[in-house]
PDB file of all heavy atoms in Angstrom:
ATOM      1  N   ASP A   1      68.420  16.392 -88.180  1.00  0.00           N
ATOM      2  CA  ASP A   1      67.646  17.076 -89.196  1.00  0.00           C
ATOM      3  C   ASP A   1      67.464  16.053 -90.302  1.00  0.00           C
ATOM      4  O   ASP A   1      68.420  15.620 -90.939  1.00  0.00           O
ATOM      5  CB  ASP A   1      68.384  18.309 -89.728  1.00  0.00           C
ATOM      6  CG  ASP A   1      68.480  19.402 -88.686  1.00  0.00           C
ATOM      7  OD1 ASP A   1      67.621  19.449 -87.792  1.00  0.00           O
ATOM      8  OD2 ASP A   1      69.417  20.212 -88.769  1.00  0.00           O
ATOM      9  N   VAL A   2      66.211  15.606 -90.493  1.00  0.00           N
ATOM     10  CA  VAL A   2      65.897  14.657 -91.553  1.00  0.00           C
ATOM     11  C   VAL A   2      65.156  15.419 -92.641  1.00  0.00           C
ATOM     12  O   VAL A   2      64.826  16.596 -92.470  1.00  0.00           O
ATOM     13  CB  VAL A   2      65.061  13.467 -91.018  1.00  0.00           C
ATOM     14  CG1 VAL A   2      65.827  12.724 -89.941  1.00  0.00           C
ATOM     15  CG2 VAL A   2      63.715  13.910 -90.507  1.00  0.00           C
ATOM     16  N   ARG A   3      64.905  14.751 -93.753  1.00  0.00           N
ATOM     17  CA  ARG A   3      64.185  15.428 -94.834  1.00  0.00           C
ATOM     18  C   ARG A   3      62.898  14.684 -95.155  1.00  0.00           C
ATOM     19  O   ARG A   3      62.868  13.459 -95.176  1.00  0.00           O
ATOM     20  CB  ARG A   3      65.064  15.518 -96.077  1.00  0.00           C
ATOM     21  CG  ARG A   3      66.244  16.457 -95.849  1.00  0.00           C
ATOM     22  CD  ARG A   3      67.035  16.675 -97.083  1.00  0.00           C
ATOM     23  NE  ARG A   3      67.746  15.438 -97.457  1.00  0.00           N
ATOM     24  CZ  ARG A   3      68.507  15.328 -98.532  1.00  0.00           C
ATOM     25  NH1 ARG A   3      68.650  16.347 -99.344  1.00  0.00           N
ATOM     26  NH2 ARG A   3      69.116  14.211 -98.807  1.00  0.00           N
ATOM     27  N   ARG A   4      61.846  15.458 -95.389  1.00  0.00           N
ATOM     28  CA  ARG A   4      60.591  14.888 -95.842  1.00  0.00           C
ATOM     29  C   ARG A   4      60.699  14.641 -97.340  1.00  0.00           C
ATOM     30  O   ARG A   4      61.229  15.465 -98.081  1.00  0.00           O
ATOM     31  CB  ARG A   4      59.429  15.826 -95.547  1.00  0.00           C
ATOM     32  CG  ARG A   4      58.108  15.204 -95.924  1.00  0.00           C
ATOM     33  CD  ARG A   4      56.940  15.926 -95.387  1.00  0.00           C
ATOM     34  NE  ARG A   4      55.722  15.216 -95.789  1.00  0.00           N
ATOM     35  CZ  ARG A   4      54.533  15.723 -95.715  1.00  0.00           C
ATOM     36  NH1 ARG A   4      54.361  16.930 -95.225  1.00  0.00           N
ATOM     37  NH2 ARG A   4      53.491  15.034 -96.097  1.00  0.00           N
ATOM     38  N   VAL A   5      60.198  13.515 -97.777  1.00  0.00           N
ATOM     39  CA  VAL A   5      60.271  13.115 -99.174  1.00  0.00           C
ATOM     40  C   VAL A   5      58.951  13.468 -99.850  1.00  0.00           C
ATOM     41  O   VAL A   5      57.882  13.085 -99.381  1.00  0.00           O
ATOM     42  CB  VAL A   5      60.537  11.602 -99.294  1.00  0.00           C
ATOM     43  CG1 VAL A   5      60.549  11.166-100.749  1.00  0.00           C
ATOM     44  CG2 VAL A   5      61.836  11.230 -98.596  1.00  0.00           C
ATOM     45  N   LEU A   6      59.047  14.229-100.940  1.00  0.00           N
ATOM     46  CA  LEU A   6      57.870  14.566-101.747  1.00  0.00           C
ATOM     47  C   LEU A   6      58.135  14.150-103.182  1.00  0.00           C
ATOM     48  O   LEU A   6      59.179  14.489-103.746  1.00  0.00           O
ATOM     49  CB  LEU A   6      57.577  16.064-101.684  1.00  0.00           C
ATOM     50  CG  LEU A   6      57.195  16.603-100.303  1.00  0.00           C
ATOM     51  CD1 LEU A   6      57.076  18.115-100.342  1.00  0.00           C
ATOM     52  CD2 LEU A   6      55.894  15.981 -99.821  1.00  0.00           C
ATOM     53  N   ASP A   7      57.208  13.410-103.754  1.00  0.00           N
ATOM     54  CA  ASP A   7      57.343  12.922-105.133  1.00  0.00           C
ATOM     55  C   ASP A   7      58.671  12.199-105.355  1.00  0.00           C
ATOM     56  O   ASP A   7      59.320  12.361-106.386  1.00  0.00           O
ATOM     57  CB  ASP A   7      57.191  14.072-106.134  1.00  0.00           C
ATOM     58  CG  ASP A   7      55.796  14.676-106.102  1.00  0.00           C
ATOM     59  OD1 ASP A   7      54.827  13.918-105.909  1.00  0.00           O
ATOM     60  OD2 ASP A   7      55.685  15.906-106.271  1.00  0.00           O
ATOM     61  N   GLY A   8      59.091  11.428-104.362  1.00  0.00           N
ATOM     62  CA  GLY A   8      60.305  10.640-104.490  1.00  0.00           C
ATOM     63  C   GLY A   8      61.597  11.403-104.313  1.00  0.00           C
ATOM     64  O   GLY A   8      62.672  10.859-104.510  1.00  0.00           O
ATOM     65  N   VAL A   9      61.507  12.673-103.909  1.00  0.00           N
ATOM     66  CA  VAL A   9      62.707  13.494-103.749  1.00  0.00           C
ATOM     67  C   VAL A   9      62.735  14.062-102.333  1.00  0.00           C
ATOM     68  O   VAL A   9      61.781  14.706-101.898  1.00  0.00           O
ATOM     69  CB  VAL A   9      62.731  14.662-104.768  1.00  0.00           C
ATOM     70  CG1 VAL A   9      63.957  15.535-104.565  1.00  0.00           C
ATOM     71  CG2 VAL A   9      62.668  14.132-106.181  1.00  0.00           C
ATOM     72  N   PRO A  10      63.825  13.806-101.561  1.00  0.00           N
ATOM     73  CA  PRO A  10      63.923  14.368-100.217  1.00  0.00           C
ATOM     74  C   PRO A  10      64.168  15.880-100.299  1.00  0.00           C
ATOM     75  O   PRO A  10      65.164  16.316-100.860  1.00  0.00           O
ATOM     76  CB  PRO A  10      65.118  13.659 -99.599  1.00  0.00           C
ATOM     77  CG  PRO A  10      65.742  12.845-100.666  1.00  0.00           C
ATOM     78  CD  PRO A  10      64.928  12.949-101.901  1.00  0.00           C
ATOM     79  N   VAL A  11      63.232  16.674 -99.761  1.00  0.00           N
ATOM     80  CA  VAL A  11      63.353  18.112 -99.935  1.00  0.00           C
ATOM     81  C   VAL A  11      63.223  18.917 -98.645  1.00  0.00           C
ATOM     82  O   VAL A  11      64.065  19.754 -98.367  1.00  0.00           O
ATOM     83  CB  VAL A  11      62.330  18.645-100.960  1.00  0.00           C
ATOM     84  CG1 VAL A  11      62.709  18.220-102.358  1.00  0.00           C
ATOM     85  CG2 VAL A  11      60.934  18.208-100.651  1.00  0.00           C
ATOM     86  N   HIS A  12      62.196  18.727 -97.894  1.00  0.00           N
ATOM     87  CA  HIS A  12      61.913  19.603 -96.758  1.00  0.00           C
ATOM     88  C   HIS A  12      62.616  19.136 -95.492  1.00  0.00           C
ATOM     89  O   HIS A  12      62.348  18.051 -95.001  1.00  0.00           O
ATOM     90  CB  HIS A  12      60.407  19.661 -96.484  1.00  0.00           C
ATOM     91  CG  HIS A  12      59.625  20.287 -97.590  1.00  0.00           C
ATOM     92  ND1 HIS A  12      59.730  21.611 -97.903  1.00  0.00           N
ATOM     93  CD2 HIS A  12      58.729  19.765 -98.458  1.00  0.00           C
ATOM     94  CE1 HIS A  12      58.929  21.888 -98.917  1.00  0.00           C
ATOM     95  NE2 HIS A  12      58.312  20.771 -99.281  1.00  0.00           N
ATOM     96  N   PRO A  13      63.521  19.967 -94.933  1.00  0.00           N
ATOM     97  CA  PRO A  13      64.172  19.579 -93.675  1.00  0.00           C
ATOM     98  C   PRO A  13      63.181  19.643 -92.508  1.00  0.00           C
ATOM     99  O   PRO A  13      62.361  20.550 -92.422  1.00  0.00           O
ATOM    100  CB  PRO A  13      65.286  20.617 -93.511  1.00  0.00           C
ATOM    101  CG  PRO A  13      64.877  21.772 -94.342  1.00  0.00           C
ATOM    102  CD  PRO A  13      63.983  21.258 -95.423  1.00  0.00           C
ATOM    103  N   ILE A  14      63.279  18.659 -91.638  1.00  0.00           N
ATOM    104  CA  ILE A  14      62.423  18.541 -90.467  1.00  0.00           C
ATOM    105  C   ILE A  14      63.306  18.130 -89.302  1.00  0.00           C
ATOM    106  O   ILE A  14      64.175  17.268 -89.459  1.00  0.00           O
ATOM    107  CB  ILE A  14      61.346  17.440 -90.675  1.00  0.00           C
ATOM    108  CG1 ILE A  14      60.541  17.683 -91.922  1.00  0.00           C
ATOM    109  CG2 ILE A  14      60.508  17.233 -89.444  1.00  0.00           C
ATOM    110  CD1 ILE A  14      59.226  18.332 -91.749  1.00  0.00           C
ATOM    111  N   ARG A  15      63.085  18.709 -88.150  1.00  0.00           N
ATOM    112  CA  ARG A  15      63.814  18.329 -86.946  1.00  0.00           C
ATOM    113  C   ARG A  15      63.184  17.059 -86.386  1.00  0.00           C
ATOM    114  O   ARG A  15      61.964  16.972 -86.253  1.00  0.00           O
ATOM    115  CB  ARG A  15      63.729  19.461 -85.916  1.00  0.00           C
ATOM    116  CG  ARG A  15      64.468  19.175 -84.645  1.00  0.00           C
ATOM    117  CD  ARG A  15      65.889  18.921 -84.977  1.00  0.00           C
ATOM    118  NE  ARG A  15      66.744  19.389 -83.927  1.00  0.00           N
ATOM    119  CZ  ARG A  15      68.031  19.247 -83.982  1.00  0.00           C
ATOM    120  NH1 ARG A  15      68.582  18.715 -85.021  1.00  0.00           N
ATOM    121  NH2 ARG A  15      68.779  19.667 -83.013  1.00  0.00           N
ATOM    122  N   ALA A  16      63.985  16.060 -86.091  1.00  0.00           N
ATOM    123  CA  ALA A  16      63.482  14.801 -85.538  1.00  0.00           C
ATOM    124  C   ALA A  16      64.218  14.472 -84.243  1.00  0.00           C
ATOM    125  O   ALA A  16      65.443  14.566 -84.192  1.00  0.00           O
ATOM    126  CB  ALA A  16      63.671  13.670 -86.544  1.00  0.00           C
ATOM    127  N   GLU A  17      63.448  14.121 -83.222  1.00  0.00           N
ATOM    128  CA  GLU A  17      64.015  13.639 -81.960  1.00  0.00           C
ATOM    129  C   GLU A  17      63.527  12.223 -81.738  1.00  0.00           C
ATOM    130  O   GLU A  17      62.324  11.972 -81.739  1.00  0.00           O
ATOM    131  CB  GLU A  17      63.593  14.517 -80.786  1.00  0.00           C
ATOM    132  CG  GLU A  17      64.375  15.779 -80.666  1.00  0.00           C
ATOM    133  CD  GLU A  17      64.176  16.450 -79.307  1.00  0.00           C
ATOM    134  OE1 GLU A  17      63.544  15.858 -78.412  1.00  0.00           O
ATOM    135  OE2 GLU A  17      64.661  17.568 -79.169  1.00  0.00           O
ATOM    136  N   PHE A  18      64.464  11.310 -81.557  1.00  0.00           N
ATOM    137  CA  PHE A  18      64.160   9.917 -81.297  1.00  0.00           C
ATOM    138  C   PHE A  18      64.407   9.671 -79.813  1.00  0.00           C
ATOM    139  O   PHE A  18      65.482   9.971 -79.307  1.00  0.00           O
ATOM    140  CB  PHE A  18      65.075   9.003 -82.117  1.00  0.00           C
ATOM    141  CG  PHE A  18      64.884   9.124 -83.604  1.00  0.00           C
ATOM    142  CD1 PHE A  18      65.330  10.240 -84.301  1.00  0.00           C
ATOM    143  CD2 PHE A  18      64.266   8.115 -84.317  1.00  0.00           C
ATOM    144  CE1 PHE A  18      65.167  10.346 -85.669  1.00  0.00           C
ATOM    145  CE2 PHE A  18      64.098   8.210 -85.695  1.00  0.00           C
ATOM    146  CZ  PHE A  18      64.546   9.325 -86.372  1.00  0.00           C
ATOM    147  N   ARG A  19      63.405   9.112 -79.135  1.00  0.00           N
ATOM    148  CA  ARG A  19      63.517   8.849 -77.701  1.00  0.00           C
ATOM    149  C   ARG A  19      63.223   7.389 -77.400  1.00  0.00           C
ATOM    150  O   ARG A  19      62.413   6.763 -78.074  1.00  0.00           O
ATOM    151  CB  ARG A  19      62.554   9.729 -76.908  1.00  0.00           C
ATOM    152  CG  ARG A  19      62.869  11.190 -77.024  1.00  0.00           C
ATOM    153  CD  ARG A  19      61.920  12.034 -76.160  1.00  0.00           C
ATOM    154  NE  ARG A  19      62.258  13.423 -76.287  1.00  0.00           N
ATOM    155  CZ  ARG A  19      63.223  14.040 -75.622  1.00  0.00           C
ATOM    156  NH1 ARG A  19      63.935  13.374 -74.755  1.00  0.00           N
ATOM    157  NH2 ARG A  19      63.475  15.320 -75.803  1.00  0.00           N
ATOM    158  N   PHE A  20      63.860   6.908 -76.360  1.00  0.00           N
ATOM    159  CA  PHE A  20      63.687   5.542 -75.903  1.00  0.00           C
ATOM    160  C   PHE A  20      63.457   5.559 -74.406  1.00  0.00           C
ATOM    161  O   PHE A  20      64.126   6.288 -73.671  1.00  0.00           O
ATOM    162  CB  PHE A  20      64.949   4.725 -76.232  1.00  0.00           C
ATOM    163  CG  PHE A  20      64.934   3.336 -75.661  1.00  0.00           C
ATOM    164  CD1 PHE A  20      64.184   2.336 -76.263  1.00  0.00           C
ATOM    165  CD2 PHE A  20      65.664   3.030 -74.533  1.00  0.00           C
ATOM    166  CE1 PHE A  20      64.169   1.056 -75.738  1.00  0.00           C
ATOM    167  CE2 PHE A  20      65.657   1.753 -74.006  1.00  0.00           C
ATOM    168  CZ  PHE A  20      64.904   0.756 -74.610  1.00  0.00           C
ATOM    169  N   ASP A  21      62.495   4.757 -73.955  1.00  0.00           N
ATOM    170  CA  ASP A  21      62.206   4.628 -72.537  1.00  0.00           C
ATOM    171  C   ASP A  21      62.290   3.154 -72.180  1.00  0.00           C
ATOM    172  O   ASP A  21      61.540   2.338 -72.725  1.00  0.00           O
ATOM    173  CB  ASP A  21      60.807   5.173 -72.243  1.00  0.00           C
ATOM    174  CG  ASP A  21      60.454   5.171 -70.770  1.00  0.00           C
ATOM    175  OD1 ASP A  21      61.201   4.561 -69.967  1.00  0.00           O
ATOM    176  OD2 ASP A  21      59.429   5.778 -70.416  1.00  0.00           O
ATOM    177  N   ALA A  22      63.182   2.804 -71.271  1.00  0.00           N
ATOM    178  CA  ALA A  22      63.387   1.409 -70.899  1.00  0.00           C
ATOM    179  C   ALA A  22      62.147   0.785 -70.272  1.00  0.00           C
ATOM    180  O   ALA A  22      62.024  -0.441 -70.234  1.00  0.00           O
ATOM    181  CB  ALA A  22      64.573   1.291 -69.946  1.00  0.00           C
ATOM    182  N   VAL A  23      61.211   1.599 -69.814  1.00  0.00           N
ATOM    183  CA  VAL A  23      59.965   1.080 -69.257  1.00  0.00           C
ATOM    184  C   VAL A  23      59.102   0.468 -70.357  1.00  0.00           C
ATOM    185  O   VAL A  23      58.375  -0.488 -70.122  1.00  0.00           O
ATOM    186  CB  VAL A  23      59.204   2.201 -68.511  1.00  0.00           C
ATOM    187  CG1 VAL A  23      57.846   1.730 -68.058  1.00  0.00           C
ATOM    188  CG2 VAL A  23      60.027   2.695 -67.333  1.00  0.00           C
ATOM    189  N   SER A  24      59.184   1.014 -71.565  1.00  0.00           N
ATOM    190  CA  SER A  24      58.463   0.492 -72.740  1.00  0.00           C
ATOM    191  C   SER A  24      59.466   0.215 -73.852  1.00  0.00           C
ATOM    192  O   SER A  24      59.497   0.911 -74.868  1.00  0.00           O
ATOM    193  CB  SER A  24      57.425   1.502 -73.216  1.00  0.00           C
ATOM    194  OG  SER A  24      56.500   1.790 -72.216  1.00  0.00           O
ATOM    195  N   PRO A  25      60.290  -0.804 -73.694  1.00  0.00           N
ATOM    196  CA  PRO A  25      61.414  -0.984 -74.617  1.00  0.00           C
ATOM    197  C   PRO A  25      61.050  -1.408 -76.032  1.00  0.00           C
ATOM    198  O   PRO A  25      61.880  -1.307 -76.921  1.00  0.00           O
ATOM    199  CB  PRO A  25      62.252  -2.062 -73.928  1.00  0.00           C
ATOM    200  CG  PRO A  25      61.272  -2.830 -73.115  1.00  0.00           C
ATOM    201  CD  PRO A  25      60.263  -1.823 -72.649  1.00  0.00           C
ATOM    202  N   MET A  26      59.844  -1.865 -76.250  1.00  0.00           N
ATOM    203  CA  MET A  26      59.465  -2.288 -77.596  1.00  0.00           C
ATOM    204  C   MET A  26      59.150  -1.113 -78.503  1.00  0.00           C
ATOM    205  O   MET A  26      59.005  -1.276 -79.707  1.00  0.00           O
ATOM    206  CB  MET A  26      58.246  -3.207 -77.544  1.00  0.00           C
ATOM    207  CG  MET A  26      58.528  -4.534 -76.900  1.00  0.00           C
ATOM    208  SD  MET A  26      57.016  -5.504 -76.869  1.00  0.00           S
ATOM    209  CE  MET A  26      57.699  -7.128 -76.723  1.00  0.00           C
ATOM    210  N   VAL A  27      59.060   0.091 -77.924  1.00  0.00           N
ATOM    211  CA  VAL A  27      58.587   1.260 -78.648  1.00  0.00           C
ATOM    212  C   VAL A  27      59.629   2.371 -78.596  1.00  0.00           C
ATOM    213  O   VAL A  27      60.273   2.586 -77.578  1.00  0.00           O
ATOM    214  CB  VAL A  27      57.267   1.763 -78.019  1.00  0.00           C
ATOM    215  CG1 VAL A  27      56.790   3.031 -78.685  1.00  0.00           C
ATOM    216  CG2 VAL A  27      56.206   0.691 -78.075  1.00  0.00           C
ATOM    217  N   VAL A  28      59.773   3.076 -79.713  1.00  0.00           N
ATOM    218  CA  VAL A  28      60.547   4.316 -79.727  1.00  0.00           C
ATOM    219  C   VAL A  28      59.593   5.452 -80.100  1.00  0.00           C
ATOM    220  O   VAL A  28      58.632   5.249 -80.839  1.00  0.00           O
ATOM    221  CB  VAL A  28      61.748   4.276 -80.698  1.00  0.00           C
ATOM    222  CG1 VAL A  28      62.769   3.262 -80.249  1.00  0.00           C
ATOM    223  CG2 VAL A  28      61.321   4.001 -82.110  1.00  0.00           C
ATOM    224  N   SER A  29      59.853   6.616 -79.546  1.00  0.00           N
ATOM    225  CA  SER A  29      59.059   7.806 -79.865  1.00  0.00           C
ATOM    226  C   SER A  29      59.877   8.691 -80.773  1.00  0.00           C
ATOM    227  O   SER A  29      61.074   8.884 -80.550  1.00  0.00           O
ATOM    228  CB  SER A  29      58.712   8.581 -78.596  1.00  0.00           C
ATOM    229  OG  SER A  29      57.918   7.798 -77.753  1.00  0.00           O
ATOM    230  N   MET A  30      59.204   9.217 -81.785  1.00  0.00           N
ATOM    231  CA  MET A  30      59.855  10.137 -82.713  1.00  0.00           C
ATOM    232  C   MET A  30      58.998  11.387 -82.796  1.00  0.00           C
ATOM    233  O   MET A  30      57.813  11.295 -83.108  1.00  0.00           O
ATOM    234  CB  MET A  30      59.996   9.506 -84.095  1.00  0.00           C
ATOM    235  CG  MET A  30      60.866   8.278 -84.094  1.00  0.00           C
ATOM    236  SD  MET A  30      60.845   7.442 -85.689  1.00  0.00           S
ATOM    237  CE  MET A  30      59.156   6.927 -85.756  1.00  0.00           C
ATOM    238  N   THR A  31      59.603  12.533 -82.508  1.00  0.00           N
ATOM    239  CA  THR A  31      58.895  13.796 -82.647  1.00  0.00           C
ATOM    240  C   THR A  31      59.475  14.529 -83.837  1.00  0.00           C
ATOM    241  O   THR A  31      60.672  14.796 -83.897  1.00  0.00           O
ATOM    242  CB  THR A  31      59.020  14.653 -81.373  1.00  0.00           C
ATOM    243  OG1 THR A  31      58.487  13.916 -80.273  1.00  0.00           O
ATOM    244  CG2 THR A  31      58.276  15.969 -81.522  1.00  0.00           C
ATOM    245  N   PHE A  32      58.619  14.818 -84.802  1.00  0.00           N
ATOM    246  CA  PHE A  32      59.011  15.534 -86.009  1.00  0.00           C
ATOM    247  C   PHE A  32      58.498  16.961 -85.884  1.00  0.00           C
ATOM    248  O   PHE A  32      57.299  17.175 -85.714  1.00  0.00           O
ATOM    249  CB  PHE A  32      58.413  14.871 -87.248  1.00  0.00           C
ATOM    250  CG  PHE A  32      58.931  13.478 -87.474  1.00  0.00           C
ATOM    251  CD1 PHE A  32      58.220  12.377 -87.028  1.00  0.00           C
ATOM    252  CD2 PHE A  32      60.136  13.278 -88.123  1.00  0.00           C
ATOM    253  CE1 PHE A  32      58.695  11.091 -87.237  1.00  0.00           C
ATOM    254  CE2 PHE A  32      60.622  11.994 -88.331  1.00  0.00           C
ATOM    255  CZ  PHE A  32      59.897  10.909 -87.881  1.00  0.00           C
ATOM    256  N   THR A  33      59.412  17.935 -85.967  1.00  0.00           N
ATOM    257  CA  THR A  33      59.043  19.332 -85.819  1.00  0.00           C
ATOM    258  C   THR A  33      59.521  20.120 -87.036  1.00  0.00           C
ATOM    259  O   THR A  33      60.733  20.229 -87.258  1.00  0.00           O
ATOM    260  CB  THR A  33      59.666  19.937 -84.543  1.00  0.00           C
ATOM    261  OG1 THR A  33      59.327  19.106 -83.428  1.00  0.00           O
ATOM    262  CG2 THR A  33      59.162  21.344 -84.299  1.00  0.00           C
ATOM    263  N   PRO A  34      58.589  20.658 -87.816  1.00  0.00           N
ATOM    264  CA  PRO A  34      59.004  21.489 -88.955  1.00  0.00           C
ATOM    265  C   PRO A  34      59.613  22.789 -88.428  1.00  0.00           C
ATOM    266  O   PRO A  34      59.445  23.149 -87.269  1.00  0.00           O
ATOM    267  CB  PRO A  34      57.698  21.734 -89.713  1.00  0.00           C
ATOM    268  CG  PRO A  34      56.616  21.507 -88.728  1.00  0.00           C
ATOM    269  CD  PRO A  34      57.141  20.548 -87.696  1.00  0.00           C
ATOM    270  N   TRP A  35      60.301  23.497 -89.299  1.00  0.00           N
ATOM    271  CA  TRP A  35      60.968  24.728 -88.874  1.00  0.00           C
ATOM    272  C   TRP A  35      59.959  25.752 -88.378  1.00  0.00           C
ATOM    273  O   TRP A  35      60.259  26.548 -87.503  1.00  0.00           O
ATOM    274  CB  TRP A  35      61.824  25.294 -90.000  1.00  0.00           C
ATOM    275  CG  TRP A  35      62.932  24.345 -90.322  1.00  0.00           C
ATOM    276  CD1 TRP A  35      63.093  23.624 -91.467  1.00  0.00           C
ATOM    277  CD2 TRP A  35      64.007  23.966 -89.470  1.00  0.00           C
ATOM    278  NE1 TRP A  35      64.191  22.815 -91.384  1.00  0.00           N
ATOM    279  CE2 TRP A  35      64.783  23.012 -90.155  1.00  0.00           C
ATOM    280  CE3 TRP A  35      64.393  24.325 -88.188  1.00  0.00           C
ATOM    281  CZ2 TRP A  35      65.918  22.423 -89.611  1.00  0.00           C
ATOM    282  CZ3 TRP A  35      65.530  23.726 -87.648  1.00  0.00           C
ATOM    283  CH2 TRP A  35      66.273  22.798 -88.363  1.00  0.00           C
ATOM    284  N   ARG A  36      58.764  25.718 -88.920  1.00  0.00           N
ATOM    285  CA  ARG A  36      57.689  26.572 -88.422  1.00  0.00           C
ATOM    286  C   ARG A  36      56.509  25.675 -88.129  1.00  0.00           C
ATOM    287  O   ARG A  36      56.018  24.991 -89.017  1.00  0.00           O
ATOM    288  CB  ARG A  36      57.277  27.616 -89.460  1.00  0.00           C
ATOM    289  CG  ARG A  36      58.358  28.604 -89.726  1.00  0.00           C
ATOM    290  CD  ARG A  36      57.855  29.682 -90.669  1.00  0.00           C
ATOM    291  NE  ARG A  36      58.927  30.607 -90.949  1.00  0.00           N
ATOM    292  CZ  ARG A  36      59.347  30.910 -92.145  1.00  0.00           C
ATOM    293  NH1 ARG A  36      58.774  30.399 -93.201  1.00  0.00           N
ATOM    294  NH2 ARG A  36      60.334  31.759 -92.314  1.00  0.00           N
ATOM    295  N   GLY A  37      56.061  25.672 -86.910  1.00  0.00           N
ATOM    296  CA  GLY A  37      54.900  24.854 -86.576  1.00  0.00           C
ATOM    297  C   GLY A  37      55.145  23.943 -85.399  1.00  0.00           C
ATOM    298  O   GLY A  37      56.225  23.929 -84.810  1.00  0.00           O
ATOM    299  N   ARG A  38      54.110  23.206 -85.079  1.00  0.00           N
ATOM    300  CA  ARG A  38      54.157  22.309 -83.948  1.00  0.00           C
ATOM    301  C   ARG A  38      54.655  20.935 -84.365  1.00  0.00           C
ATOM    302  O   ARG A  38      54.461  20.504 -85.493  1.00  0.00           O
ATOM    303  CB  ARG A  38      52.755  22.185 -83.356  1.00  0.00           C
ATOM    304  CG  ARG A  38      52.250  23.522 -82.831  1.00  0.00           C
ATOM    305  CD  ARG A  38      50.837  23.443 -82.323  1.00  0.00           C
ATOM    306  NE  ARG A  38      50.702  22.352 -81.365  1.00  0.00           N
ATOM    307  CZ  ARG A  38      49.555  21.802 -81.042  1.00  0.00           C
ATOM    308  NH1 ARG A  38      48.443  22.226 -81.589  1.00  0.00           N
ATOM    309  NH2 ARG A  38      49.499  20.828 -80.158  1.00  0.00           N
ATOM    310  N   GLY A  39      55.249  20.247 -83.409  1.00  0.00           N
ATOM    311  CA  GLY A  39      55.748  18.911 -83.669  1.00  0.00           C
ATOM    312  C   GLY A  39      54.662  17.860 -83.538  1.00  0.00           C
ATOM    313  O   GLY A  39      53.626  18.075 -82.906  1.00  0.00           O
ATOM    314  N   VAL A  40      54.909  16.725 -84.147  1.00  0.00           N
ATOM    315  CA  VAL A  40      54.021  15.572 -84.080  1.00  0.00           C
ATOM    316  C   VAL A  40      54.850  14.398 -83.584  1.00  0.00           C
ATOM    317  O   VAL A  40      55.946  14.153 -84.093  1.00  0.00           O
ATOM    318  CB  VAL A  40      53.417  15.253 -85.463  1.00  0.00           C
ATOM    319  CG1 VAL A  40      52.598  13.978 -85.414  1.00  0.00           C
ATOM    320  CG2 VAL A  40      52.593  16.418 -85.972  1.00  0.00           C
ATOM    321  N   THR A  41      54.318  13.679 -82.599  1.00  0.00           N
ATOM    322  CA  THR A  41      55.029  12.531 -82.048  1.00  0.00           C
ATOM    323  C   THR A  41      54.367  11.240 -82.504  1.00  0.00           C
ATOM    324  O   THR A  41      53.154  11.095 -82.413  1.00  0.00           O
ATOM    325  CB  THR A  41      55.060  12.595 -80.509  1.00  0.00           C
ATOM    326  OG1 THR A  41      55.725  13.803 -80.102  1.00  0.00           O
ATOM    327  CG2 THR A  41      55.785  11.394 -79.924  1.00  0.00           C
ATOM    328  N   TRP A  42      55.194  10.333 -82.989  1.00  0.00           N
ATOM    329  CA  TRP A  42      54.759   8.992 -83.367  1.00  0.00           C
ATOM    330  C   TRP A  42      55.493   8.000 -82.477  1.00  0.00           C
ATOM    331  O   TRP A  42      56.658   8.196 -82.150  1.00  0.00           O
ATOM    332  CB  TRP A  42      55.125   8.697 -84.825  1.00  0.00           C
ATOM    333  CG  TRP A  42      54.175   9.268 -85.818  1.00  0.00           C
ATOM    334  CD1 TRP A  42      54.069  10.579 -86.185  1.00  0.00           C
ATOM    335  CD2 TRP A  42      53.195   8.554 -86.561  1.00  0.00           C
ATOM    336  NE1 TRP A  42      53.090  10.712 -87.119  1.00  0.00           N
ATOM    337  CE2 TRP A  42      52.528   9.484 -87.368  1.00  0.00           C
ATOM    338  CE3 TRP A  42      52.817   7.221 -86.619  1.00  0.00           C
ATOM    339  CZ2 TRP A  42      51.509   9.120 -88.234  1.00  0.00           C
ATOM    340  CZ3 TRP A  42      51.815   6.857 -87.483  1.00  0.00           C
ATOM    341  CH2 TRP A  42      51.167   7.801 -88.278  1.00  0.00           C
ATOM    342  N   ARG A  43      54.815   6.940 -82.110  1.00  0.00           N
ATOM    343  CA  ARG A  43      55.424   5.847 -81.365  1.00  0.00           C
ATOM    344  C   ARG A  43      55.332   4.603 -82.239  1.00  0.00           C
ATOM    345  O   ARG A  43      54.235   4.210 -82.634  1.00  0.00           O
ATOM    346  CB  ARG A  43      54.703   5.643 -80.045  1.00  0.00           C
ATOM    347  CG  ARG A  43      54.975   6.775 -79.089  1.00  0.00           C
ATOM    348  CD  ARG A  43      54.086   6.718 -77.852  1.00  0.00           C
ATOM    349  NE  ARG A  43      54.336   7.870 -77.001  1.00  0.00           N
ATOM    350  CZ  ARG A  43      53.859   9.085 -77.209  1.00  0.00           C
ATOM    351  NH1 ARG A  43      53.102   9.315 -78.248  1.00  0.00           N
ATOM    352  NH2 ARG A  43      54.134  10.074 -76.393  1.00  0.00           N
TER     353      ARG A  43
END
């Protein structure tokens, strides 16, 4: 559970999953899912 920072203050908790795939080792995937709503994945 990480926090989103707004105006320099960490406030909103967000669920984060960090994934690693040895097939693409230079990249990690992070899925951020708010308590209500859909998640967004960044690589």
